[in-house]
Protein backbone atom coordinates (compact mmCIF):
# COMPACT_ATOMS: atom_id res chain seq x y z
CA UNK A 1 -0.03 -0.02 0.01
CA UNK A 2 1.15 3.74 -0.60
CA UNK A 3 2.74 5.20 2.46
CA UNK A 4 2.41 8.70 3.47
CA UNK A 5 4.96 11.28 2.16
CA UNK A 6 8.18 11.42 4.29
CA UNK A 7 9.54 14.92 3.17
CA UNK A 8 6.97 17.76 2.80
CA UNK A 9 9.61 19.49 0.61
CA UNK A 10 9.72 16.80 -1.92
CA UNK A 11 5.70 16.81 -2.24
CA UNK A 12 5.56 20.58 -2.62
CA UNK A 13 8.41 20.50 -5.31
CA UNK A 14 6.59 17.55 -7.21
CA UNK A 15 3.56 19.62 -7.23
CA UNK A 16 5.20 22.57 -8.80
CA UNK A 17 5.50 20.47 -12.14
CA UNK A 18 1.71 21.27 -12.73
CA UNK A 19 2.54 25.10 -13.18
CA UNK A 20 3.45 26.34 -16.70
CA UNK A 21 4.57 29.55 -14.99
CA UNK A 22 6.15 29.89 -11.59
CA UNK A 23 8.05 32.69 -9.54
CA UNK A 24 10.41 31.33 -7.03
CA UNK A 25 10.84 33.53 -3.87
CA UNK A 26 14.16 32.76 -1.87
CA UNK A 27 13.42 33.53 1.64
CA UNK A 28 16.23 35.15 3.44
CA UNK A 29 14.45 35.49 6.64
CA UNK A 30 11.92 38.40 6.21
CA UNK A 31 9.09 38.94 8.26
CA UNK A 32 7.21 39.86 5.06
CA UNK A 33 8.22 36.78 2.74
CA UNK A 34 4.66 35.33 2.90
CA UNK A 35 3.27 38.59 2.02
CA UNK A 36 5.31 38.79 -1.10
CA UNK A 37 3.89 35.33 -2.14
CA UNK A 38 0.41 36.57 -1.66
CA UNK A 39 0.75 39.74 -3.70
CA UNK A 40 2.43 37.72 -6.41
CA UNK A 41 -0.59 35.42 -6.35
CA UNK A 42 -3.00 38.12 -6.08
CA UNK A 43 -1.54 39.35 -9.14
CA UNK A 44 -2.52 35.89 -10.81
CA UNK A 45 0.85 34.39 -11.01
CA UNK A 46 1.74 31.07 -9.23
CA UNK A 47 4.75 31.39 -6.95
CA UNK A 48 6.56 29.17 -4.17
CA UNK A 49 8.66 30.10 -1.32
CA UNK A 50 12.17 28.28 -1.13
CA UNK A 51 14.94 28.61 1.56
CA UNK A 52 17.96 31.14 0.65
CA UNK A 53 20.15 27.95 0.33
CA UNK A 54 18.01 26.06 -2.04
CA UNK A 55 20.27 23.83 -4.44
CA UNK A 56 20.79 25.02 -7.91
CA UNK A 57 19.73 21.61 -8.95
CA UNK A 58 16.29 22.02 -7.08
CA UNK A 59 15.70 25.29 -8.70
CA UNK A 60 16.48 23.99 -12.27
CA UNK A 61 14.16 20.88 -11.47
CA UNK A 62 11.27 23.07 -10.80
CA UNK A 63 12.18 25.60 -13.69
CA UNK A 64 10.74 28.91 -12.42
CA UNK A 65 10.14 31.61 -14.91
CA UNK A 66 11.53 34.40 -12.61
CA UNK A 67 12.89 34.92 -9.09
CA UNK A 68 12.30 37.21 -6.17
CA UNK A 69 14.83 37.77 -3.32
CA UNK A 70 13.20 38.75 -0.09
CA UNK A 71 14.27 40.99 2.54
CA UNK A 72 15.93 39.85 5.89
CA UNK A 73 17.37 40.90 9.34
CA UNK A 74 21.03 40.25 8.39
CA UNK A 75 23.96 42.13 7.19
CA UNK A 76 25.47 40.91 3.88
CA UNK A 77 28.73 41.15 5.65
CA UNK A 78 27.79 39.94 8.91
CA UNK A 79 28.91 36.47 10.37
CA UNK A 80 26.51 33.71 9.07
CA UNK A 81 24.46 36.11 7.02
CA UNK A 82 22.48 34.10 4.66
CA UNK A 83 24.08 33.86 1.16
CA UNK A 84 22.39 31.85 -1.67
CA UNK A 85 24.55 30.37 -4.41
CA UNK A 86 26.06 32.71 -7.23
CA UNK A 87 24.76 30.18 -9.64
CA UNK A 88 21.16 31.34 -8.75
CA UNK A 89 21.95 34.57 -10.33
CA UNK A 90 23.63 32.86 -13.28
CA UNK A 91 20.41 31.03 -14.40
CA UNK A 92 19.45 34.22 -16.45
CA UNK A 93 16.11 34.78 -14.94
CA UNK A 94 14.37 37.92 -14.58
CA UNK A 95 15.20 38.65 -10.83
CA UNK A 96 13.81 41.02 -8.26
CA UNK A 97 15.79 41.66 -5.11
CA UNK A 98 13.96 43.40 -2.08
CA UNK A 99 15.85 45.05 0.75
CA UNK A 100 18.26 42.61 1.97
CA UNK A 101 17.74 40.72 -1.56
CA UNK A 102 18.88 44.07 -3.22
CA UNK A 103 21.98 44.21 -0.98
CA UNK A 104 22.95 40.47 -1.48
CA UNK A 105 22.18 40.64 -5.09
CA UNK A 106 24.37 43.93 -5.61
CA UNK A 107 27.21 42.56 -3.19
CA UNK A 108 27.33 39.48 -5.48
CA UNK A 109 27.51 41.41 -8.53
CA UNK A 110 30.33 43.71 -7.53
CA UNK A 111 28.25 46.52 -5.82
CA UNK A 112 29.13 47.83 -2.37
CA UNK A 113 27.00 47.82 0.69
CA UNK A 114 27.68 49.84 3.66
CA UNK A 115 26.26 50.45 7.32
CA UNK A 116 23.73 53.53 6.82
CA UNK A 117 24.24 56.60 8.88
CA UNK A 118 21.05 55.77 10.73
CA UNK A 119 19.00 53.37 8.62
CA UNK A 120 15.64 53.95 7.31
CA UNK A 121 12.63 52.37 9.25
CA UNK A 122 9.08 53.13 8.53
CA UNK A 123 7.69 55.67 6.21
CA UNK A 124 9.84 57.18 3.52
CA UNK A 125 9.46 59.11 0.28
CA UNK A 126 10.99 57.90 -3.12
CA UNK A 127 11.45 59.83 -6.13
CA UNK A 128 11.32 58.06 -9.71
CA UNK A 129 14.36 59.20 -11.64
CA UNK A 130 14.09 56.44 -14.44
CA UNK A 131 10.69 55.08 -15.24
CA UNK A 132 11.78 51.58 -16.75
CA UNK A 133 11.57 48.04 -15.54
CA UNK A 134 9.90 47.75 -12.19
CA UNK A 135 9.09 51.57 -12.45
CA UNK A 136 7.51 51.09 -16.11
CA UNK A 137 3.90 51.96 -14.90
CA UNK A 138 5.21 55.04 -13.25
CA UNK A 139 6.36 58.37 -14.50
CA UNK A 140 9.61 60.22 -14.02
CA UNK A 141 9.35 62.55 -11.17
CA UNK A 142 6.76 60.66 -9.30
CA UNK A 143 6.84 60.85 -5.64
CA UNK A 144 5.94 57.56 -3.83
CA UNK A 145 5.46 56.93 -0.23
CA UNK A 146 7.17 53.69 0.81
CA UNK A 147 7.97 51.45 3.79
CA UNK A 148 11.61 51.05 4.59
CA UNK A 149 13.33 48.79 6.95
CA UNK A 150 17.12 48.66 6.58
CA UNK A 151 20.17 49.43 8.40
CA UNK A 152 22.66 48.73 5.42
CA UNK A 153 22.29 50.36 2.07
CA UNK A 154 23.87 50.03 -1.43
CA UNK A 155 26.61 53.09 -2.02
CA UNK A 156 28.14 51.80 -5.24
CA UNK A 157 26.21 50.09 -8.20
CA UNK A 158 27.31 46.82 -9.63
CA UNK A 159 28.59 46.96 -13.16
CA UNK A 160 25.90 47.47 -15.71
CA UNK A 161 23.19 48.76 -13.17
CA UNK A 162 21.73 52.32 -13.19
CA UNK A 163 19.65 53.99 -10.53
CA UNK A 164 15.84 54.24 -11.00
CA UNK A 165 14.82 56.07 -7.99
CA UNK A 166 16.14 57.66 -4.63
CA UNK A 167 15.11 59.04 -1.24
CA UNK A 168 16.62 61.88 0.70
CA UNK A 169 18.62 59.28 2.69
CA UNK A 170 19.37 56.53 -0.12
CA UNK A 171 20.69 57.23 -3.25
CA UNK A 172 19.85 53.76 -4.60
CA UNK A 173 16.39 52.88 -3.59
CA UNK A 174 15.74 51.12 -6.90
CA UNK A 175 18.18 49.90 -9.40
CA UNK A 176 18.17 47.97 -12.63
CA UNK A 177 19.89 46.33 -15.36
CA UNK A 178 17.64 46.38 -18.40
CA UNK A 179 19.91 44.26 -20.25
CA UNK A 180 19.85 41.35 -17.67
CA UNK A 181 16.23 42.00 -16.36
CA UNK A 182 17.76 42.09 -12.84
CA UNK A 183 16.26 44.73 -10.56
CA UNK A 184 16.38 45.66 -6.94
CA UNK A 185 14.40 47.81 -4.39
CA UNK A 186 15.64 49.01 -1.16
CA UNK A 187 12.10 49.50 0.23
CA UNK A 188 8.84 46.93 0.38
CA UNK A 189 6.48 46.98 -2.37
CA UNK A 190 4.47 44.07 -0.75
CA UNK A 191 3.30 46.15 2.12
CA UNK A 192 0.11 48.17 2.11
CA UNK A 193 2.09 51.27 3.32
CA UNK A 194 3.98 51.52 -0.04
CA UNK A 195 2.04 53.46 -2.66
CA UNK A 196 1.83 51.76 -6.06
CA UNK A 197 3.44 48.74 -4.59
CA UNK A 198 1.03 46.66 -6.63
CA UNK A 199 1.86 48.48 -9.80
CA UNK A 200 5.67 48.00 -9.11
CA UNK A 201 5.33 44.18 -8.63
CA UNK A 202 2.90 43.91 -11.45
CA UNK A 203 5.76 45.66 -13.75
CA UNK A 204 8.19 43.06 -12.59
CA UNK A 205 5.94 40.30 -13.52
CA UNK A 206 4.32 41.16 -16.59
CA UNK A 207 6.53 43.84 -18.20
CA UNK A 208 10.01 42.58 -17.07
CA UNK A 209 9.41 38.82 -16.79
CA UNK A 210 6.65 38.56 -19.45
CA UNK A 211 4.59 36.25 -17.24
CA UNK A 212 0.59 36.00 -17.59
CA UNK A 213 -2.27 36.33 -15.01
CA UNK A 214 -3.42 32.69 -15.54
CA UNK A 215 -3.39 31.62 -11.60
CA UNK A 216 -7.40 32.11 -11.29
CA UNK A 217 -9.97 30.09 -9.09
CA UNK A 218 -10.90 28.32 -12.14
CA UNK A 219 -7.26 26.96 -12.83
CA UNK A 220 -6.81 26.49 -9.02
CA UNK A 221 -9.68 23.88 -9.23
CA UNK A 222 -8.77 22.33 -12.54
CA UNK A 223 -4.96 21.93 -11.46
CA UNK A 224 -5.94 20.52 -7.91
CA UNK A 225 -8.46 18.15 -9.50
CA UNK A 226 -6.03 16.95 -12.11
CA UNK A 227 -3.40 16.41 -9.24
CA UNK A 228 -5.81 14.28 -7.14
CA UNK A 229 -6.83 12.03 -10.19
CA UNK A 230 -3.04 11.47 -11.13
CA UNK A 231 -2.20 10.59 -7.47
CA UNK A 232 -5.19 8.30 -6.69
CA UNK A 233 -5.27 4.91 -8.55
CA UNK A 234 -8.42 4.64 -10.59
CA UNK A 235 -9.87 1.74 -8.35
CA UNK A 236 -8.58 3.31 -4.87
CA UNK A 237 -10.96 4.60 -2.19
CA UNK A 238 -10.36 7.79 -0.17
CA UNK A 239 -11.52 8.89 3.09
CA UNK A 240 -11.61 12.56 4.65
CA UNK A 241 -12.22 13.79 8.22
CA UNK A 242 -15.01 16.46 7.56
CA UNK A 243 -15.18 19.06 10.41
CA UNK A 244 -17.73 21.46 8.41
CA UNK A 245 -14.88 24.26 8.78
CA UNK A 246 -13.72 25.93 5.68
CA UNK A 247 -10.63 23.70 4.70
CA UNK A 248 -12.21 20.45 5.10
CA UNK A 249 -15.32 21.53 3.14
CA UNK A 250 -13.32 22.71 0.46
CA UNK A 251 -11.08 19.72 0.18
CA UNK A 252 -14.10 17.49 0.24
CA UNK A 253 -15.92 19.01 -2.57
CA UNK A 254 -12.85 19.35 -4.84
CA UNK A 255 -11.95 15.66 -3.97
CA UNK A 256 -15.69 14.68 -4.78
CA UNK A 257 -15.19 16.64 -8.20
CA UNK A 258 -12.17 14.62 -8.83
CA UNK A 259 -13.09 11.15 -7.50
CA UNK A 260 -16.64 11.03 -7.29
CA UNK A 261 -18.18 8.07 -4.96
CA UNK A 262 -14.85 6.95 -4.31
CA UNK A 263 -14.61 9.64 -1.59
CA UNK A 264 -16.14 8.79 1.53
CA UNK A 265 -16.36 11.71 4.42
CA UNK A 266 -16.35 10.90 8.08
CA UNK A 267 -17.93 13.62 10.03
CA UNK A 268 -17.40 12.85 13.97
CA UNK A 269 -20.05 14.51 15.88
CA UNK A 270 -18.30 14.88 19.38
CA UNK A 271 -21.06 16.53 21.18
CA UNK A 272 -18.85 19.85 21.51
CA UNK A 273 -20.20 21.64 18.30
CA UNK A 274 -22.22 24.61 17.91
CA UNK A 275 -26.16 24.80 17.89
CA UNK A 276 -27.35 22.86 15.15
CA UNK A 277 -24.04 22.48 13.55
CA UNK A 278 -24.23 18.60 13.12
CA UNK A 279 -27.48 18.75 11.31
CA UNK A 280 -26.30 21.66 9.14
CA UNK A 281 -23.24 19.52 8.08
CA UNK A 282 -25.22 16.65 7.04
CA UNK A 283 -27.92 18.62 5.06
CA UNK A 284 -25.00 20.52 3.31
CA UNK A 285 -22.85 17.74 2.36
CA UNK A 286 -25.23 14.76 2.01
CA UNK A 287 -28.28 16.46 0.33
CA UNK A 288 -26.63 19.54 -1.33
CA UNK A 289 -23.54 18.14 -2.63
CA UNK A 290 -24.43 14.53 -2.65
CA UNK A 291 -21.19 13.32 -0.94
CA UNK A 292 -20.89 9.86 0.56
CA UNK A 293 -21.03 10.82 4.41
CA UNK A 294 -20.94 8.89 7.51
CA UNK A 295 -22.07 10.98 10.49
CA UNK A 296 -20.94 9.50 13.61
CA UNK A 297 -22.91 10.69 16.69
CA UNK A 298 -20.31 10.05 19.53
CA UNK A 299 -21.10 12.78 21.88
CA UNK A 300 -21.69 10.25 24.71
CA UNK A 301 -18.17 8.63 24.09
CA UNK A 302 -16.38 12.06 24.42
CA UNK A 303 -18.31 13.43 27.29
CA UNK A 304 -17.75 10.35 29.37
CA UNK A 305 -13.86 10.53 28.58
CA UNK A 306 -14.04 14.26 29.43
CA UNK A 307 -15.87 13.75 32.80
CA UNK A 308 -14.47 15.72 35.51
CA UNK A 309 -11.28 16.63 33.58
CA UNK A 310 -10.70 20.45 33.96
CA UNK A 311 -6.87 20.90 32.59
CA UNK A 312 -7.01 22.36 29.22
CA UNK A 313 -4.16 20.26 27.76
CA UNK A 314 -5.57 17.01 29.26
CA UNK A 315 -8.86 18.10 27.56
CA UNK A 316 -7.28 18.54 24.25
CA UNK A 317 -5.40 15.27 24.34
CA UNK A 318 -8.45 13.29 25.41
CA UNK A 319 -10.59 14.81 22.39
CA UNK A 320 -7.71 14.19 19.95
CA UNK A 321 -7.27 10.53 21.14
CA UNK A 322 -11.06 9.63 21.17
CA UNK A 323 -11.42 11.41 17.74
CA UNK A 324 -8.75 9.20 16.34
CA UNK A 325 -10.37 6.01 17.92
CA UNK A 326 -13.74 6.94 16.30
CA UNK A 327 -12.58 7.92 13.05
CA UNK A 328 -10.30 4.92 12.69
CA UNK A 329 -13.13 2.48 13.54
CA UNK A 330 -15.33 3.96 10.97
CA UNK A 331 -12.42 4.10 8.43
CA UNK A 332 -11.84 0.38 8.76
CA UNK A 333 -15.32 -0.39 7.87
CA UNK A 334 -14.93 0.82 4.17
CA UNK A 335 -13.33 -1.46 2.03
CA UNK A 336 -10.56 -0.49 -0.20
CA UNK A 337 -9.44 2.64 1.36
CA UNK A 338 -5.82 3.67 0.55
CA UNK A 339 -5.60 7.37 0.92
CA UNK A 340 -6.53 9.87 3.40
CA UNK A 341 -7.34 13.53 2.67
CA UNK A 342 -5.98 16.21 4.71
CA UNK A 343 -6.59 20.03 4.46
CA UNK A 344 -2.98 21.36 4.85
CA UNK A 345 -2.45 24.77 3.54
CA UNK A 346 0.51 26.42 2.17
CA UNK A 347 1.37 28.40 5.21
CA UNK A 348 1.78 25.04 6.94
CA UNK A 349 3.99 23.53 4.24
CA UNK A 350 6.16 26.91 4.29
CA UNK A 351 6.71 26.42 8.18
CA UNK A 352 8.28 23.05 7.47
CA UNK A 353 10.80 24.49 5.00
CA UNK A 354 11.19 28.13 6.28
CA UNK A 355 14.36 30.01 6.82
CA UNK A 356 14.31 29.43 10.56
CA UNK A 357 14.36 25.76 9.90
CA UNK A 358 11.76 22.76 9.90
CA UNK A 359 9.15 23.18 12.46
CA UNK A 360 8.39 20.40 14.87
CA UNK A 361 5.53 19.09 12.51
CA UNK A 362 3.19 19.98 9.69
CA UNK A 363 -0.28 21.04 11.14
CA UNK A 364 -2.42 17.88 11.48
CA UNK A 365 -5.88 18.60 10.18
CA UNK A 366 -8.76 18.34 12.74
CA UNK A 367 -6.78 16.00 14.89
CA UNK A 368 -5.79 13.02 12.41
CA UNK A 369 -2.27 13.25 13.17
CA UNK A 370 -0.73 9.87 13.05
CA UNK A 371 -3.67 8.23 11.16
CA UNK A 372 -1.73 7.80 7.76
CA UNK A 373 1.11 5.77 9.49
CA UNK A 374 -1.29 3.81 11.67
CA UNK A 375 -3.68 2.91 9.15
CA UNK A 376 -0.94 2.55 6.18
CA UNK A 377 -2.68 5.50 4.24
CA UNK A 378 -1.24 7.78 1.51
CA UNK A 379 -1.72 11.45 1.97
CA UNK A 380 -4.02 13.44 -0.56
CA UNK A 381 -3.46 17.14 0.41
CA UNK A 382 -5.41 18.91 -2.49
CA UNK A 383 -5.06 22.46 -0.74
CA UNK A 384 -1.50 22.28 0.09
CA UNK A 385 -0.33 24.97 -2.41
CA UNK A 386 -3.08 27.34 -1.52
CA UNK A 387 -3.31 30.33 1.03
CA UNK A 388 -6.59 30.76 2.96
CA UNK A 389 -8.09 33.49 0.43
CA UNK A 390 -7.18 30.90 -2.50
CA UNK A 391 -9.04 28.22 -0.48
CA UNK A 392 -12.21 30.38 -0.49
CA UNK A 393 -11.75 31.61 -4.29
CA UNK A 394 -11.55 27.75 -5.15
CA UNK A 395 -14.67 27.10 -2.96
CA UNK A 396 -16.68 30.06 -4.91
CA UNK A 397 -15.44 28.48 -8.12
CA UNK A 398 -16.90 25.06 -7.02
CA UNK A 399 -20.23 26.94 -6.37
CA UNK A 400 -20.09 26.44 -2.57
CA UNK A 401 -22.33 28.50 -0.42
CA UNK A 402 -20.89 31.74 1.16
CA UNK A 403 -21.94 30.76 4.92
CA UNK A 404 -19.46 27.66 4.53
CA UNK A 405 -16.51 29.47 2.90
CA UNK A 406 -16.56 32.39 5.21
CA UNK A 407 -17.42 31.04 8.52
CA UNK A 408 -15.29 31.96 11.26
CA UNK A 409 -12.35 29.64 12.66
CA UNK A 410 -13.82 27.02 15.08
CA UNK A 411 -11.08 25.14 17.40
CA UNK A 412 -10.84 21.32 16.71
CA UNK A 413 -11.61 20.65 20.53
CA UNK A 414 -14.99 22.57 19.86
CA UNK A 415 -16.47 24.18 22.65
CA UNK A 416 -14.47 22.24 25.38
CA UNK A 417 -11.91 24.78 25.37
CA UNK A 418 -14.73 27.52 25.62
CA UNK A 419 -16.30 25.90 28.52
CA UNK A 420 -13.64 26.67 31.28
CA UNK A 421 -12.96 23.74 33.49
CA UNK A 422 -14.72 20.63 33.49
CA UNK A 423 -17.24 20.03 30.71
CA UNK A 424 -20.78 18.66 31.13
CA UNK A 425 -24.10 18.25 29.07
CA UNK A 426 -25.73 21.17 31.30
CA UNK A 427 -22.75 23.40 30.95
CA UNK A 428 -22.65 22.90 27.00
CA UNK A 429 -26.23 23.59 26.73
CA UNK A 430 -25.82 27.00 28.34
CA UNK A 431 -22.88 28.03 26.27
CA UNK A 432 -24.37 26.70 23.02
CA UNK A 433 -27.70 28.78 23.36
CA UNK A 434 -25.61 32.00 24.50
CA UNK A 435 -23.20 31.52 21.59
CA UNK A 436 -26.04 31.05 19.22
CA UNK A 437 -27.89 34.41 20.48
CA UNK A 438 -24.28 36.20 20.13
CA UNK A 439 -23.88 35.11 16.52
CA UNK A 440 -27.34 36.00 15.58
CA UNK A 441 -26.70 39.55 16.85
CA UNK A 442 -23.25 40.02 15.19
CA UNK A 443 -24.77 38.64 11.79
CA UNK A 444 -27.70 40.99 12.22
CA UNK A 445 -25.19 43.99 12.71
CA UNK A 446 -23.50 42.95 9.67
CA UNK A 447 -20.17 42.33 11.32
CA UNK A 448 -19.84 38.47 11.05
CA UNK A 449 -17.45 38.45 8.12
CA UNK A 450 -15.52 41.46 9.54
CA UNK A 451 -14.56 39.68 12.49
CA UNK A 452 -11.92 37.05 12.69
CA UNK A 453 -13.72 35.31 15.43
CA UNK A 454 -16.77 36.13 17.74
CA UNK A 455 -17.99 33.59 20.33
CA UNK A 456 -19.04 33.00 24.06
CA UNK A 457 -17.00 31.47 26.72
CA UNK A 458 -18.55 30.01 30.01
CA UNK A 459 -16.51 30.90 33.14
CA UNK A 460 -16.28 28.36 36.07
CA UNK A 461 -17.66 30.79 38.47
CA UNK A 462 -21.17 31.98 39.64
CA UNK A 463 -22.25 35.23 40.76
CA UNK A 464 -25.24 36.84 42.62
CA UNK A 465 -28.12 38.33 40.88
CA UNK A 466 -31.59 39.62 40.89
CA UNK A 467 -34.47 38.41 38.72
CA UNK A 468 -37.73 39.66 39.47
CA UNK A 469 -37.92 39.62 43.27
CA UNK A 470 -35.67 36.55 43.82
CA UNK A 471 -32.01 36.30 44.41
CA UNK A 472 -30.16 34.13 41.75
CA UNK A 473 -26.78 32.43 41.80
CA UNK A 474 -25.95 31.74 38.13
CA UNK A 475 -23.39 31.40 35.47
CA UNK A 476 -21.29 34.11 33.81
CA UNK A 477 -20.89 34.36 30.06
CA UNK A 478 -17.99 36.26 28.52
CA UNK A 479 -18.32 37.75 24.88
CA UNK A 480 -15.30 37.59 22.89
CA UNK A 481 -14.77 39.18 19.37
CA UNK A 482 -11.39 39.95 17.69
CA UNK A 483 -9.88 41.17 14.63
CA UNK A 484 -6.94 39.22 12.99
CA UNK A 485 -5.57 38.45 9.56
CA UNK A 486 -4.05 35.04 10.34
CA UNK A 487 -4.68 34.25 14.12
CA UNK A 488 -1.10 34.76 15.09
CA UNK A 489 -1.76 38.25 16.66
CA UNK A 490 -5.23 39.65 17.24
CA UNK A 491 -6.99 42.92 18.52
CA UNK A 492 -9.99 42.92 20.55
CA UNK A 493 -12.95 44.16 18.39
CA UNK A 494 -14.52 47.58 19.33
CA UNK A 495 -18.15 46.11 19.07
CA UNK A 496 -21.06 48.81 18.95
CA UNK A 497 -22.37 49.28 22.60
CA UNK A 498 -25.94 48.68 21.28
CA UNK A 499 -24.84 45.10 19.86
CA UNK A 500 -23.39 44.30 23.10
CA UNK A 501 -26.27 45.44 25.12
CA UNK A 502 -28.56 43.34 22.89
CA UNK A 503 -26.64 40.35 23.08
CA UNK A 504 -26.21 40.70 26.87
CA UNK A 505 -29.87 41.42 27.47
CA UNK A 506 -30.91 38.34 25.20
CA UNK A 507 -28.55 35.94 26.83
CA UNK A 508 -29.62 36.81 30.32
CA UNK A 509 -33.34 36.73 29.47
CA UNK A 510 -33.30 33.59 27.24
CA UNK A 511 -30.74 31.35 28.36
CA UNK A 512 -31.59 29.73 31.68
CA UNK A 513 -28.95 29.70 34.28
CA UNK A 514 -27.05 32.94 33.06
CA UNK A 515 -27.36 36.11 35.17
CA UNK A 516 -24.31 38.10 34.07
CA UNK A 517 -22.50 38.81 30.71
CA UNK A 518 -18.97 40.40 30.47
CA UNK A 519 -16.91 41.59 27.60
CA UNK A 520 -13.20 40.57 26.81
CA UNK A 521 -11.21 43.54 26.07
CA UNK A 522 -7.62 41.88 25.75
CA UNK A 523 -5.59 41.49 22.60
CA UNK A 524 -3.22 38.73 21.46
CA UNK A 525 -0.32 39.07 22.85
CA UNK A 526 -0.42 38.97 25.63
CA UNK A 527 -3.66 37.03 26.02
CA UNK A 528 -4.82 33.99 23.33
CA UNK A 529 -7.69 34.41 21.23
CA UNK A 530 -9.31 31.14 22.66
CA UNK A 531 -9.29 31.05 26.73
CA UNK A 532 -7.95 27.44 26.66
């Protein structure tokens, strides 16, 4: 039987062969490397991120159409500074160096880089002196507000290069060699703070490199479907752990498009889901999309295992263990299964091959870590080339409903990590009812898709209250709402007071056992988004 891929880099490289045009981004450690990739793909061009020390053989194998060298925190002269092979620049490809990428490229080609007098950090102004190459879509004399972040700077050009733009503190903010199609920018065109950053990147991609905007939602789906069909044998059966979240839902519909009835989705209802969620998932995927769906109602099994357990990490481990047990039992009932679908996304792959070194493990989708090896299954990862917004775009191309594609993230352990302390049927009832009211009010205010997450938390304390003429001693519900772009950092959302007031009043009046509602106004860091 096929085995799960051992090297995520090898799989990612193999997938690249499906792309006729591809930009290779060499990562020198910049905090913006993923953002560069996002901007390139938003322009309709496929790209992949490689470590700065990728071998020339690997690059030749994937045959990129152009190169982008990212920024980075090091000095080109510093001890242990990241240096790519000189052969990279000898491939003859259109190349764009950004910040450290410019300095490294210029240093390698005979220019001179020195420590800047004070460096430039944050907003700066660049004047266009020669509107060619990366500045081809601008005009001579244009003034750009840009984002700088450098302590070194280029003080002497490499042979064959000319200056295209300067700032008051940096004579060579943009340089180019029109003959070799090699360009460099001292500023960051990928960040929103840089005016005309989009036009500058598109000038490189389309005017300099001659690429085409062919990375579209339709092409994403077409290539993913083709890749799945090529990987899975014509008689092989495939299983997928369906959670109802964006990633597993799109992966399910995409694989169904590729494999039809040879795909079986296993939806483990652990009793820790939101109000009505189990029935909604069944309706959506069995009745609307006509997928083979096994709906395992295992609430009692999970709650029995969680009884009396209050430690957050223990709760997570128990939920993960029971999930694997239930999933494996159901999967073994299906004959001829050789593959497991996982919703790995490109940021997860990048983490495993980043400049900072391999991470401990690529994210296991919905707690199915270890299953491929235990069950001797191969892995199918139809989303592993995609960022989250591209997953949603693919889902739209597959005509999936918006409420599925734009639902907020929901933790794998479900409401167990929003019910602080030990979990019980009664506590879950209170939390579900309160959460449903809060979501209803957020949606009614038109804020649901603007927020990264909005949900309720049930505290393990009771407080005194008064209802009518009676004294109460009931539960406390926390309202939590945050803005974020990737979940790594988050700021608490300044919800309208009338929305908070309506949600509070409804929860206290409609949810039996609650007499107090509070608002969480902490950001990440120092707090986390979830409470456990």
